[in-house]
Amino acid sequence: MLSATKSPLLLNASGCLDALATPDIARSLDGFVTKTITPEPREGNPPVRIAETDAGMLNSIGLANPGRERFLAETLPRLRGLEQPIWVSVGGFTAAEYAETCAALDGCDGVAAVELNLSCPNVDEAPEGAAEIVAACRAVTSLPLYAKLSPVWDLAEVARAVEAAGADGLSLVNTMRGLALDPETLRPRLATGGGGYSGPALKPIALAAVYACAGAVELPIVGMGGVRSGLDVLELIAAGATTVALGTILFSDPGAGARVRSELASQVAERDITSLSDLHRAAHSSLQMAGSSSDNRR
């Protein structure tokens, strides 16, 4: 996914772009990730479902979507008109539900990959662990499976577990649970109380997650969380990402894809980088070199 002549694959984070309403923006990226699809239609959580904060955004959409049957019959055929690789985000409330949707997607034209939303903070999670869900899906589809995870202390262990279960890649990171209070009433601003936190403040957490998992597994990683600039992309690549997704920034700057590409090109030129592949995991190499230098001084 990284080459000397092309910037890393740029995607949108699931739920941050309506490709059918804004097809030109979708085509400015290298692929489109759908909103999460569940077996049955979902209206989502009651409003208020979005709240801005000082350094990001809280959302509690609640996986609102048309359901699997309508997605396959109506939405997916229209998305094929984008002539872009389509990554379908899949959700569920049991491992069997995840697997049923993956089986239905297997062999569908235009579907390039499945992103398993294993960590949505706005709905109840499946009782099975991430590895069990991945294994159930692996058994019914040949499509590439990316496990989307939230940052937890043992994230590297989770990454190893889903790799062993058959995941083809990781998406890091999903939102974290947060809360915003109304300054007048001191009540939660979202109807559900808390919600998924995203935006600029998530970037150090995303970098740490990508860094930890890149050191633990050999899987390709989609890095996301607080990406706003070409430098942000460069840093995620250095931490170990092979692909980068734009999320919250698309709400305030829908054309961010083209701008970020331009900034990335400038960063590469300024640093005299001949290939982005040379920069991949550079943060790990620097740490090893620092450790070696420290050892030599002892």
C-alpha atoms as a PDB file:
ATOM      1  CA  MET A   1       0.000   0.000   0.000  1.00  0.00           C
ATOM      2  CA  LEU A   2       3.018   2.256   0.328  1.00  0.00           C
ATOM      3  CA  SER A   3       5.105   3.095  -2.703  1.00  0.00           C
ATOM      4  CA  ALA A   4       7.613   5.612  -3.896  1.00  0.00           C
ATOM      5  CA  THR A   5       5.165   7.181  -6.308  1.00  0.00           C
ATOM      6  CA  LYS A   6       1.833   7.102  -4.513  1.00  0.00           C
ATOM      7  CA  SER A   7       0.747   8.378  -1.125  1.00  0.00           C
ATOM      8  CA  PRO A   8      -0.626   5.781   1.297  1.00  0.00           C
ATOM      9  CA  LEU A   9      -4.141   4.639   0.698  1.00  0.00           C
ATOM     10  CA  LEU A  10      -6.464   7.293   2.141  1.00  0.00           C
ATOM     11  CA  LEU A  11      -9.869   6.209   3.391  1.00  0.00           C
ATOM     12  CA  ASN A  12     -12.662   7.790   5.396  1.00  0.00           C
ATOM     13  CA  ALA A  13     -13.408   6.572   8.883  1.00  0.00           C
ATOM     14  CA  SER A  14     -16.743   4.755   8.995  1.00  0.00           C
ATOM     15  CA  GLY A  15     -19.671   7.098   9.578  1.00  0.00           C
ATOM     16  CA  CYS A  16     -17.766  10.278   8.694  1.00  0.00           C
ATOM     17  CA  LEU A  17     -18.770  10.568   5.040  1.00  0.00           C
ATOM     18  CA  ASP A  18     -21.972  10.073   3.050  1.00  0.00           C
ATOM     19  CA  ALA A  19     -20.592   8.981  -0.313  1.00  0.00           C
ATOM     20  CA  LEU A  20     -23.954   9.039  -2.076  1.00  0.00           C
ATOM     21  CA  ALA A  21     -24.638  12.621  -0.994  1.00  0.00           C
ATOM     22  CA  THR A  22     -21.081  13.801  -1.715  1.00  0.00           C
ATOM     23  CA  PRO A  23     -19.665  11.492  -4.412  1.00  0.00           C
ATOM     24  CA  ASP A  24     -16.907  13.891  -5.482  1.00  0.00           C
ATOM     25  CA  ILE A  25     -15.501  13.929  -1.959  1.00  0.00           C
ATOM     26  CA  ALA A  26     -15.653  10.137  -1.810  1.00  0.00           C
ATOM     27  CA  ARG A  27     -13.792   9.907  -5.110  1.00  0.00           C
ATOM     28  CA  SER A  28     -11.041  12.183  -3.772  1.00  0.00           C
ATOM     29  CA  LEU A  29     -10.068   9.318  -1.437  1.00  0.00           C
ATOM     30  CA  ASP A  30      -8.722   5.912  -2.425  1.00  0.00           C
ATOM     31  CA  GLY A  31     -11.637   3.943  -1.102  1.00  0.00           C
ATOM     32  CA  PHE A  32     -14.902   4.363   0.779  1.00  0.00           C
ATOM     33  CA  VAL A  33     -15.804   2.827   4.152  1.00  0.00           C
ATOM     34  CA  THR A  34     -19.541   2.497   4.751  1.00  0.00           C
ATOM     35  CA  LYS A  35     -21.444   3.217   7.917  1.00  0.00           C
ATOM     36  CA  THR A  36     -21.732   0.124  10.065  1.00  0.00           C
ATOM     37  CA  ILE A  37     -24.326  -2.338   8.789  1.00  0.00           C
ATOM     38  CA  THR A  38     -26.272  -4.551  11.186  1.00  0.00           C
ATOM     39  CA  PRO A  39     -28.596  -7.462  10.332  1.00  0.00           C
ATOM     40  CA  GLU A  40     -31.763  -5.511  11.172  1.00  0.00           C
ATOM     41  CA  PRO A  41     -32.518  -1.818  10.507  1.00  0.00           C
ATOM     42  CA  ARG A  42     -31.683   0.551  13.349  1.00  0.00           C
ATOM     43  CA  GLU A  43     -32.994   4.062  13.928  1.00  0.00           C
ATOM     44  CA  GLY A  44     -30.129   4.759  16.307  1.00  0.00           C
ATOM     45  CA  ASN A  45     -30.140   6.600  19.580  1.00  0.00           C
ATOM     46  CA  PRO A  46     -32.491   9.505  20.382  1.00  0.00           C
ATOM     47  CA  PRO A  47     -31.241  13.069  19.861  1.00  0.00           C
ATOM     48  CA  VAL A  48     -29.167  14.920  20.902  1.00  0.00           C
ATOM     49  CA  ARG A  49     -26.604  12.599  19.264  1.00  0.00           C
ATOM     50  CA  ILE A  50     -23.659  14.922  18.470  1.00  0.00           C
ATOM     51  CA  ALA A  51     -21.877  17.484  20.638  1.00  0.00           C
ATOM     52  CA  GLU A  52     -18.745  19.497  19.904  1.00  0.00           C
ATOM     53  CA  THR A  53     -16.085  19.787  22.598  1.00  0.00           C
ATOM     54  CA  ASP A  54     -13.004  21.949  23.024  1.00  0.00           C
ATOM     55  CA  ALA A  55     -10.758  19.467  21.247  1.00  0.00           C
ATOM     56  CA  GLY A  56     -13.050  17.172  19.315  1.00  0.00           C
ATOM     57  CA  MET A  57     -16.536  15.764  19.028  1.00  0.00           C
ATOM     58  CA  LEU A  58     -18.782  13.351  20.876  1.00  0.00           C
ATOM     59  CA  ASN A  59     -21.284  11.223  19.005  1.00  0.00           C
ATOM     60  CA  SER A  60     -23.907   8.757  20.072  1.00  0.00           C
ATOM     61  CA  ILE A  61     -25.461   7.828  16.743  1.00  0.00           C
ATOM     62  CA  GLY A  62     -26.111   4.261  17.845  1.00  0.00           C
ATOM     63  CA  LEU A  63     -25.358   2.485  14.563  1.00  0.00           C
ATOM     64  CA  ALA A  64     -28.314   3.942  12.657  1.00  0.00           C
ATOM     65  CA  ASN A  65     -28.482   2.049   9.343  1.00  0.00           C
ATOM     66  CA  PRO A  66     -30.986   0.523   6.887  1.00  0.00           C
ATOM     67  CA  GLY A  67     -30.166  -3.077   7.799  1.00  0.00           C
ATOM     68  CA  ARG A  68     -28.418  -5.783   5.827  1.00  0.00           C
ATOM     69  CA  GLU A  69     -31.138  -6.621   3.283  1.00  0.00           C
ATOM     70  CA  ARG A  70     -31.790  -3.040   2.227  1.00  0.00           C
ATOM     71  CA  PHE A  71     -28.071  -2.263   2.139  1.00  0.00           C
ATOM     72  CA  LEU A  72     -27.438  -5.163  -0.238  1.00  0.00           C
ATOM     73  CA  ALA A  73     -30.460  -4.448  -2.403  1.00  0.00           C
ATOM     74  CA  GLU A  74     -30.343  -0.643  -2.569  1.00  0.00           C
ATOM     75  CA  THR A  75     -27.240   0.998  -1.107  1.00  0.00           C
ATOM     76  CA  LEU A  76     -24.454  -1.250  -2.347  1.00  0.00           C
ATOM     77  CA  PRO A  77     -25.524  -1.100  -6.037  1.00  0.00           C
ATOM     78  CA  ARG A  78     -25.468   2.711  -5.845  1.00  0.00           C
ATOM     79  CA  LEU A  79     -22.080   2.739  -4.148  1.00  0.00           C
ATOM     80  CA  ARG A  80     -20.639   0.718  -7.029  1.00  0.00           C
ATOM     81  CA  GLY A  81     -21.258   3.777  -9.187  1.00  0.00           C
ATOM     82  CA  LEU A  82     -18.425   5.536  -7.347  1.00  0.00           C
ATOM     83  CA  GLU A  83     -16.002   3.134  -9.033  1.00  0.00           C
ATOM     84  CA  GLN A  84     -14.067   3.067  -5.782  1.00  0.00           C
ATOM     85  CA  PRO A  85     -13.050   0.118  -3.615  1.00  0.00           C
ATOM     86  CA  ILE A  86     -15.800  -0.325  -1.021  1.00  0.00           C
ATOM     87  CA  TRP A  87     -15.013  -1.379   2.524  1.00  0.00           C
ATOM     88  CA  VAL A  88     -18.172  -2.479   4.323  1.00  0.00           C
ATOM     89  CA  SER A  89     -18.273  -1.860   8.074  1.00  0.00           C
ATOM     90  CA  VAL A  90     -20.068  -4.751   9.741  1.00  0.00           C
ATOM     91  CA  GLY A  91     -21.617  -4.759  13.201  1.00  0.00           C
ATOM     92  CA  GLY A  92     -23.748  -7.077  15.272  1.00  0.00           C
ATOM     93  CA  PHE A  93     -24.686  -8.184  18.751  1.00  0.00           C
ATOM     94  CA  THR A  94     -23.466 -11.784  18.522  1.00  0.00           C
ATOM     95  CA  ALA A  95     -20.686 -13.493  16.611  1.00  0.00           C
ATOM     96  CA  ALA A  96     -23.329 -15.237  14.506  1.00  0.00           C
ATOM     97  CA  GLU A  97     -24.792 -11.898  13.393  1.00  0.00           C
ATOM     98  CA  TYR A  98     -21.386 -10.661  12.278  1.00  0.00           C
ATOM     99  CA  ALA A  99     -20.790 -13.911  10.400  1.00  0.00           C
ATOM    100  CA  GLU A 100     -24.187 -13.860   8.672  1.00  0.00           C
ATOM    101  CA  THR A 101     -23.489 -10.411   7.216  1.00  0.00           C
ATOM    102  CA  CYS A 102     -19.982 -11.396   6.143  1.00  0.00           C
ATOM    103  CA  ALA A 103     -21.386 -14.471   4.400  1.00  0.00           C
ATOM    104  CA  ALA A 104     -23.926 -12.302   2.582  1.00  0.00           C
ATOM    105  CA  LEU A 105     -21.154  -9.943   1.404  1.00  0.00           C
ATOM    106  CA  ASP A 106     -18.883 -12.724   0.194  1.00  0.00           C
ATOM    107  CA  GLY A 107     -18.651 -12.537  -3.577  1.00  0.00           C
ATOM    108  CA  CYS A 108     -20.466  -9.194  -3.864  1.00  0.00           C
ATOM    109  CA  ASP A 109     -19.062  -7.080  -6.694  1.00  0.00           C
ATOM    110  CA  GLY A 110     -17.231  -3.964  -5.586  1.00  0.00           C
ATOM    111  CA  VAL A 111     -16.644  -5.030  -1.994  1.00  0.00           C
ATOM    112  CA  ALA A 112     -12.908  -4.828  -1.381  1.00  0.00           C
ATOM    113  CA  ALA A 113     -12.820  -5.563   2.347  1.00  0.00           C
ATOM    114  CA  VAL A 114     -14.864  -5.933   5.498  1.00  0.00           C
ATOM    115  CA  GLU A 115     -14.157  -3.838   8.563  1.00  0.00           C
ATOM    116  CA  LEU A 116     -15.495  -5.543  11.679  1.00  0.00           C
ATOM    117  CA  ASN A 117     -16.702  -2.880  14.104  1.00  0.00           C
ATOM    118  CA  LEU A 118     -15.798  -4.699  17.287  1.00  0.00           C
ATOM    119  CA  SER A 119     -15.791  -1.751  19.647  1.00  0.00           C
ATOM    120  CA  CYS A 120     -18.604   0.750  19.140  1.00  0.00           C
ATOM    121  CA  PRO A 121     -18.992   2.663  22.452  1.00  0.00           C
ATOM    122  CA  ASN A 122     -22.614   3.625  21.748  1.00  0.00           C
ATOM    123  CA  VAL A 123     -24.295   0.203  21.769  1.00  0.00           C
ATOM    124  CA  ASP A 124     -24.061  -3.017  23.760  1.00  0.00           C
ATOM    125  CA  GLU A 125     -21.230  -5.204  22.527  1.00  0.00           C
ATOM    126  CA  ALA A 126     -21.458  -8.856  21.533  1.00  0.00           C
ATOM    127  CA  PRO A 127     -20.818 -11.243  24.434  1.00  0.00           C
ATOM    128  CA  GLU A 128     -18.088 -13.019  22.466  1.00  0.00           C
ATOM    129  CA  GLY A 129     -14.554 -11.648  22.393  1.00  0.00           C
ATOM    130  CA  ALA A 130     -12.980 -10.003  19.363  1.00  0.00           C
ATOM    131  CA  ALA A 131     -11.064 -13.136  18.368  1.00  0.00           C
ATOM    132  CA  GLU A 132     -14.201 -15.300  18.486  1.00  0.00           C
ATOM    133  CA  ILE A 133     -16.039 -12.873  16.206  1.00  0.00           C
ATOM    134  CA  VAL A 134     -13.145 -12.743  13.746  1.00  0.00           C
ATOM    135  CA  ALA A 135     -12.933 -16.542  13.685  1.00  0.00           C
ATOM    136  CA  ALA A 136     -16.671 -16.853  12.996  1.00  0.00           C
ATOM    137  CA  CYS A 137     -16.409 -14.392  10.112  1.00  0.00           C
ATOM    138  CA  ARG A 138     -13.232 -15.972   8.740  1.00  0.00           C
ATOM    139  CA  ALA A 139     -15.069 -19.272   8.416  1.00  0.00           C
ATOM    140  CA  VAL A 140     -17.669 -17.837   6.016  1.00  0.00           C
ATOM    141  CA  THR A 141     -15.855 -15.313   3.814  1.00  0.00           C
ATOM    142  CA  SER A 142     -12.725 -14.977   1.719  1.00  0.00           C
ATOM    143  CA  LEU A 143     -12.912 -11.169   1.856  1.00  0.00           C
ATOM    144  CA  PRO A 144     -10.119  -9.364   3.697  1.00  0.00           C
ATOM    145  CA  LEU A 145     -11.164  -8.826   7.318  1.00  0.00           C
ATOM    146  CA  TYR A 146     -10.000  -5.767   9.256  1.00  0.00           C
ATOM    147  CA  ALA A 147     -10.674  -5.723  12.996  1.00  0.00           C
ATOM    148  CA  LYS A 148     -11.550  -2.230  14.247  1.00  0.00           C
ATOM    149  CA  LEU A 149     -10.506  -1.882  17.869  1.00  0.00           C
ATOM    150  CA  SER A 150     -10.736   0.716  20.611  1.00  0.00           C
ATOM    151  CA  PRO A 151      -7.635   1.590  22.638  1.00  0.00           C
ATOM    152  CA  VAL A 152      -7.257  -0.601  25.703  1.00  0.00           C
ATOM    153  CA  TRP A 153      -4.238  -1.346  27.874  1.00  0.00           C
ATOM    154  CA  ASP A 154      -3.817  -4.857  26.464  1.00  0.00           C
ATOM    155  CA  LEU A 155      -4.383  -3.824  22.843  1.00  0.00           C
ATOM    156  CA  ALA A 156      -1.270  -5.649  21.601  1.00  0.00           C
ATOM    157  CA  GLU A 157      -2.643  -8.885  23.085  1.00  0.00           C
ATOM    158  CA  VAL A 158      -5.986  -8.308  21.400  1.00  0.00           C
ATOM    159  CA  ALA A 159      -4.142  -7.691  18.117  1.00  0.00           C
ATOM    160  CA  ARG A 160      -2.275 -10.987  18.467  1.00  0.00           C
ATOM    161  CA  ALA A 161      -5.540 -12.785  19.224  1.00  0.00           C
ATOM    162  CA  VAL A 162      -7.414 -11.471  16.190  1.00  0.00           C
ATOM    163  CA  GLU A 163      -4.388 -12.171  13.978  1.00  0.00           C
ATOM    164  CA  ALA A 164      -4.404 -15.782  15.144  1.00  0.00           C
ATOM    165  CA  ALA A 165      -8.164 -15.937  14.511  1.00  0.00           C
ATOM    166  CA  GLY A 166      -7.721 -14.951  10.866  1.00  0.00           C
ATOM    167  CA  ALA A 167      -7.857 -11.164  10.653  1.00  0.00           C
ATOM    168  CA  ASP A 168      -6.100  -9.702   7.616  1.00  0.00           C
ATOM    169  CA  GLY A 169      -5.569  -6.258   9.142  1.00  0.00           C
ATOM    170  CA  LEU A 170      -6.372  -3.854  11.959  1.00  0.00           C
ATOM    171  CA  SER A 171      -8.187  -0.500  12.025  1.00  0.00           C
ATOM    172  CA  LEU A 172      -6.875   1.660  14.872  1.00  0.00           C
ATOM    173  CA  VAL A 173      -8.460   3.306  16.646  1.00  0.00           C
ATOM    174  CA  ASN A 174     -12.176   3.495  17.199  1.00  0.00           C
ATOM    175  CA  THR A 175     -13.574   6.296  19.334  1.00  0.00           C
ATOM    176  CA  MET A 176     -13.190   6.361  23.110  1.00  0.00           C
ATOM    177  CA  ARG A 177     -16.072   6.866  25.473  1.00  0.00           C
ATOM    178  CA  GLY A 178     -16.403  10.445  26.693  1.00  0.00           C
ATOM    179  CA  LEU A 179     -18.862  12.809  28.356  1.00  0.00           C
ATOM    180  CA  ALA A 180     -19.705  16.491  27.908  1.00  0.00           C
ATOM    181  CA  LEU A 181     -21.857  18.496  30.316  1.00  0.00           C
ATOM    182  CA  ASP A 182     -23.987  21.518  29.581  1.00  0.00           C
ATOM    183  CA  PRO A 183     -22.331  24.435  31.432  1.00  0.00           C
ATOM    184  CA  GLU A 184     -25.696  25.831  32.538  1.00  0.00           C
ATOM    185  CA  THR A 185     -27.553  22.716  33.605  1.00  0.00           C
ATOM    186  CA  LEU A 186     -24.553  20.507  34.356  1.00  0.00           C
ATOM    187  CA  ARG A 187     -26.425  17.696  32.646  1.00  0.00           C
ATOM    188  CA  PRO A 188     -25.023  15.498  29.852  1.00  0.00           C
ATOM    189  CA  ARG A 189     -25.260  17.176  26.455  1.00  0.00           C
ATOM    190  CA  LEU A 190     -25.986  13.873  24.709  1.00  0.00           C
ATOM    191  CA  ALA A 191     -29.322  12.161  25.269  1.00  0.00           C
ATOM    192  CA  THR A 192     -27.586   8.889  26.093  1.00  0.00           C
ATOM    193  CA  GLY A 193     -25.152  10.512  28.518  1.00  0.00           C
ATOM    194  CA  GLY A 194     -21.776   9.544  27.098  1.00  0.00           C
ATOM    195  CA  GLY A 195     -20.685   8.954  23.545  1.00  0.00           C
ATOM    196  CA  GLY A 196     -17.750   8.143  21.283  1.00  0.00           C
ATOM    197  CA  TYR A 197     -15.011  10.776  21.423  1.00  0.00           C
ATOM    198  CA  SER A 198     -13.080  11.679  18.279  1.00  0.00           C
ATOM    199  CA  GLY A 199     -11.046  14.562  16.913  1.00  0.00           C
ATOM    200  CA  PRO A 200      -7.579  16.077  17.379  1.00  0.00           C
ATOM    201  CA  ALA A 201      -7.134  15.011  21.006  1.00  0.00           C
ATOM    202  CA  LEU A 202      -7.392  11.363  19.930  1.00  0.00           C
ATOM    203  CA  LYS A 203      -4.199  11.497  17.839  1.00  0.00           C
ATOM    204  CA  PRO A 204      -1.640  10.624  20.577  1.00  0.00           C
ATOM    205  CA  ILE A 205      -3.845   7.701  21.597  1.00  0.00           C
ATOM    206  CA  ALA A 206      -4.084   6.528  17.981  1.00  0.00           C
ATOM    207  CA  LEU A 207      -0.316   6.802  17.571  1.00  0.00           C
ATOM    208  CA  ALA A 208       0.259   4.766  20.725  1.00  0.00           C
ATOM    209  CA  ALA A 209      -2.188   2.086  19.575  1.00  0.00           C
ATOM    210  CA  VAL A 210      -0.680   1.813  16.095  1.00  0.00           C
ATOM    211  CA  TYR A 211       2.823   1.761  17.557  1.00  0.00           C
ATOM    212  CA  ALA A 212       1.988  -0.992  20.050  1.00  0.00           C
ATOM    213  CA  CYS A 213       0.231  -3.202  17.515  1.00  0.00           C
ATOM    214  CA  ALA A 214       2.847  -2.715  14.804  1.00  0.00           C
ATOM    215  CA  GLY A 215       5.368  -4.041  17.296  1.00  0.00           C
ATOM    216  CA  ALA A 216       3.194  -7.043  18.124  1.00  0.00           C
ATOM    217  CA  VAL A 217       1.843  -8.306  14.774  1.00  0.00           C
ATOM    218  CA  GLU A 218       2.721  -8.294  11.090  1.00  0.00           C
ATOM    219  CA  LEU A 219      -0.755  -7.249   9.931  1.00  0.00           C
ATOM    220  CA  PRO A 220      -1.342  -4.107   7.844  1.00  0.00           C
ATOM    221  CA  ILE A 221      -2.829  -1.315   9.934  1.00  0.00           C
ATOM    222  CA  VAL A 222      -5.290   1.431   9.045  1.00  0.00           C
ATOM    223  CA  GLY A 223      -4.354   4.334  11.310  1.00  0.00           C
ATOM    224  CA  MET A 224      -7.050   6.824  12.296  1.00  0.00           C
ATOM    225  CA  GLY A 225      -7.825   9.247  15.084  1.00  0.00           C
ATOM    226  CA  GLY A 226      -7.282  13.004  14.996  1.00  0.00           C
ATOM    227  CA  VAL A 227      -5.808  13.084  11.483  1.00  0.00           C
ATOM    228  CA  ARG A 228      -5.930  16.647  10.128  1.00  0.00           C
ATOM    229  CA  SER A 229      -2.732  17.158   8.118  1.00  0.00           C
ATOM    230  CA  GLY A 230      -0.055  15.583   5.992  1.00  0.00           C
ATOM    231  CA  LEU A 231       2.220  15.527   9.023  1.00  0.00           C
ATOM    232  CA  ASP A 232      -0.384  13.515  10.939  1.00  0.00           C
ATOM    233  CA  VAL A 233      -0.363  10.952   8.110  1.00  0.00           C
ATOM    234  CA  LEU A 234       3.424  10.853   8.135  1.00  0.00           C
ATOM    235  CA  GLU A 235       3.496  10.237  11.889  1.00  0.00           C
ATOM    236  CA  LEU A 236       1.016   7.372  11.685  1.00  0.00           C
ATOM    237  CA  ILE A 237       3.125   5.752   8.946  1.00  0.00           C
ATOM    238  CA  ALA A 238       6.223   6.127  11.105  1.00  0.00           C
ATOM    239  CA  ALA A 239       4.330   4.484  13.988  1.00  0.00           C
ATOM    240  CA  GLY A 240       3.451   1.523  11.779  1.00  0.00           C
ATOM    241  CA  ALA A 241       0.310   2.303   9.763  1.00  0.00           C
ATOM    242  CA  THR A 242       0.135   1.251   6.119  1.00  0.00           C
ATOM    243  CA  THR A 243      -3.125   3.074   5.423  1.00  0.00           C
ATOM    244  CA  VAL A 244      -4.628   6.214   6.963  1.00  0.00           C
ATOM    245  CA  ALA A 245      -8.276   7.200   7.401  1.00  0.00           C
ATOM    246  CA  LEU A 246      -9.724  10.687   7.779  1.00  0.00           C
ATOM    247  CA  GLY A 247     -12.561  11.036  10.254  1.00  0.00           C
ATOM    248  CA  THR A 248     -13.893  14.021  12.169  1.00  0.00           C
ATOM    249  CA  ILE A 249     -12.000  16.486   9.963  1.00  0.00           C
ATOM    250  CA  LEU A 250     -14.354  15.624   7.078  1.00  0.00           C
ATOM    251  CA  PHE A 251     -17.238  17.314   8.917  1.00  0.00           C
ATOM    252  CA  SER A 252     -15.472  20.690   9.061  1.00  0.00           C
ATOM    253  CA  ASP A 253     -13.301  20.312   5.948  1.00  0.00           C
ATOM    254  CA  PRO A 254     -14.967  17.964   3.444  1.00  0.00           C
ATOM    255  CA  GLY A 255     -12.154  18.483   0.956  1.00  0.00           C
ATOM    256  CA  ALA A 256      -9.484  17.476   3.452  1.00  0.00           C
ATOM    257  CA  GLY A 257      -8.377  14.522   1.320  1.00  0.00           C
ATOM    258  CA  ALA A 258      -6.831  16.646  -1.418  1.00  0.00           C
ATOM    259  CA  ARG A 259      -5.277  19.074   1.069  1.00  0.00           C
ATOM    260  CA  VAL A 260      -3.780  16.293   3.181  1.00  0.00           C
ATOM    261  CA  ARG A 261      -2.296  14.658   0.071  1.00  0.00           C
ATOM    262  CA  SER A 262      -0.669  17.946  -0.910  1.00  0.00           C
ATOM    263  CA  GLU A 263       0.708  18.481   2.584  1.00  0.00           C
ATOM    264  CA  LEU A 264       2.024  14.936   2.678  1.00  0.00           C
ATOM    265  CA  ALA A 265       3.823  15.468  -0.618  1.00  0.00           C
ATOM    266  CA  SER A 266       5.417  18.623   0.802  1.00  0.00           C
ATOM    267  CA  GLN A 267       6.492  16.772   3.929  1.00  0.00           C
ATOM    268  CA  VAL A 268       8.083  14.032   1.849  1.00  0.00           C
ATOM    269  CA  ALA A 269       9.923  16.556  -0.330  1.00  0.00           C
ATOM    270  CA  GLU A 270      11.150  18.630   2.623  1.00  0.00           C
ATOM    271  CA  ARG A 271      12.510  15.553   4.373  1.00  0.00           C
ATOM    272  CA  ASP A 272      14.129  14.213   1.185  1.00  0.00           C
ATOM    273  CA  ILE A 273      12.282  10.922   1.533  1.00  0.00           C
ATOM    274  CA  THR A 274      12.649   8.793  -1.589  1.00  0.00           C
ATOM    275  CA  SER A 275       9.925   6.314  -0.630  1.00  0.00           C
ATOM    276  CA  LEU A 276       7.205   6.321   1.986  1.00  0.00           C
ATOM    277  CA  SER A 277       8.059   2.662   2.484  1.00  0.00           C
ATOM    278  CA  ASP A 278      11.382   3.807   3.934  1.00  0.00           C
ATOM    279  CA  LEU A 279       9.481   5.770   6.561  1.00  0.00           C
ATOM    280  CA  HIS A 280       7.171   2.914   7.539  1.00  0.00           C
ATOM    281  CA  ARG A 281       7.827   1.969  11.188  1.00  0.00           C
ATOM    282  CA  ALA A 282      10.580   4.586  11.413  1.00  0.00           C
ATOM    283  CA  ALA A 283       9.568   5.318  15.005  1.00  0.00           C
ATOM    284  CA  HIS A 284      10.419   1.735  15.917  1.00  0.00           C
ATOM    285  CA  SER A 285      13.846   1.958  14.283  1.00  0.00           C
ATOM    286  CA  SER A 286      14.603   5.179  16.110  1.00  0.00           C
ATOM    287  CA  LEU A 287      13.748   3.558  19.430  1.00  0.00           C
ATOM    288  CA  GLN A 288      15.976   0.582  18.669  1.00  0.00           C
ATOM    289  CA  MET A 289      18.833   2.891  17.712  1.00  0.00           C
ATOM    290  CA  ALA A 290      18.353   4.892  20.899  1.00  0.00           C
ATOM    291  CA  GLY A 291      18.403   1.695  22.918  1.00  0.00           C
ATOM    292  CA  SER A 292      21.584   0.546  21.202  1.00  0.00           C
ATOM    293  CA  SER A 293      23.279   3.881  21.870  1.00  0.00           C
ATOM    294  CA  SER A 294      22.266   3.689  25.509  1.00  0.00           C
ATOM    295  CA  ASP A 295      23.669   0.172  25.778  1.00  0.00           C
ATOM    296  CA  ASN A 296      26.966   1.318  24.258  1.00  0.00           C
ATOM    297  CA  ARG A 297      27.332   4.014  26.899  1.00  0.00           C
ATOM    298  CA  ARG A 298      27.097   1.544  29.757  1.00  0.00           C
END
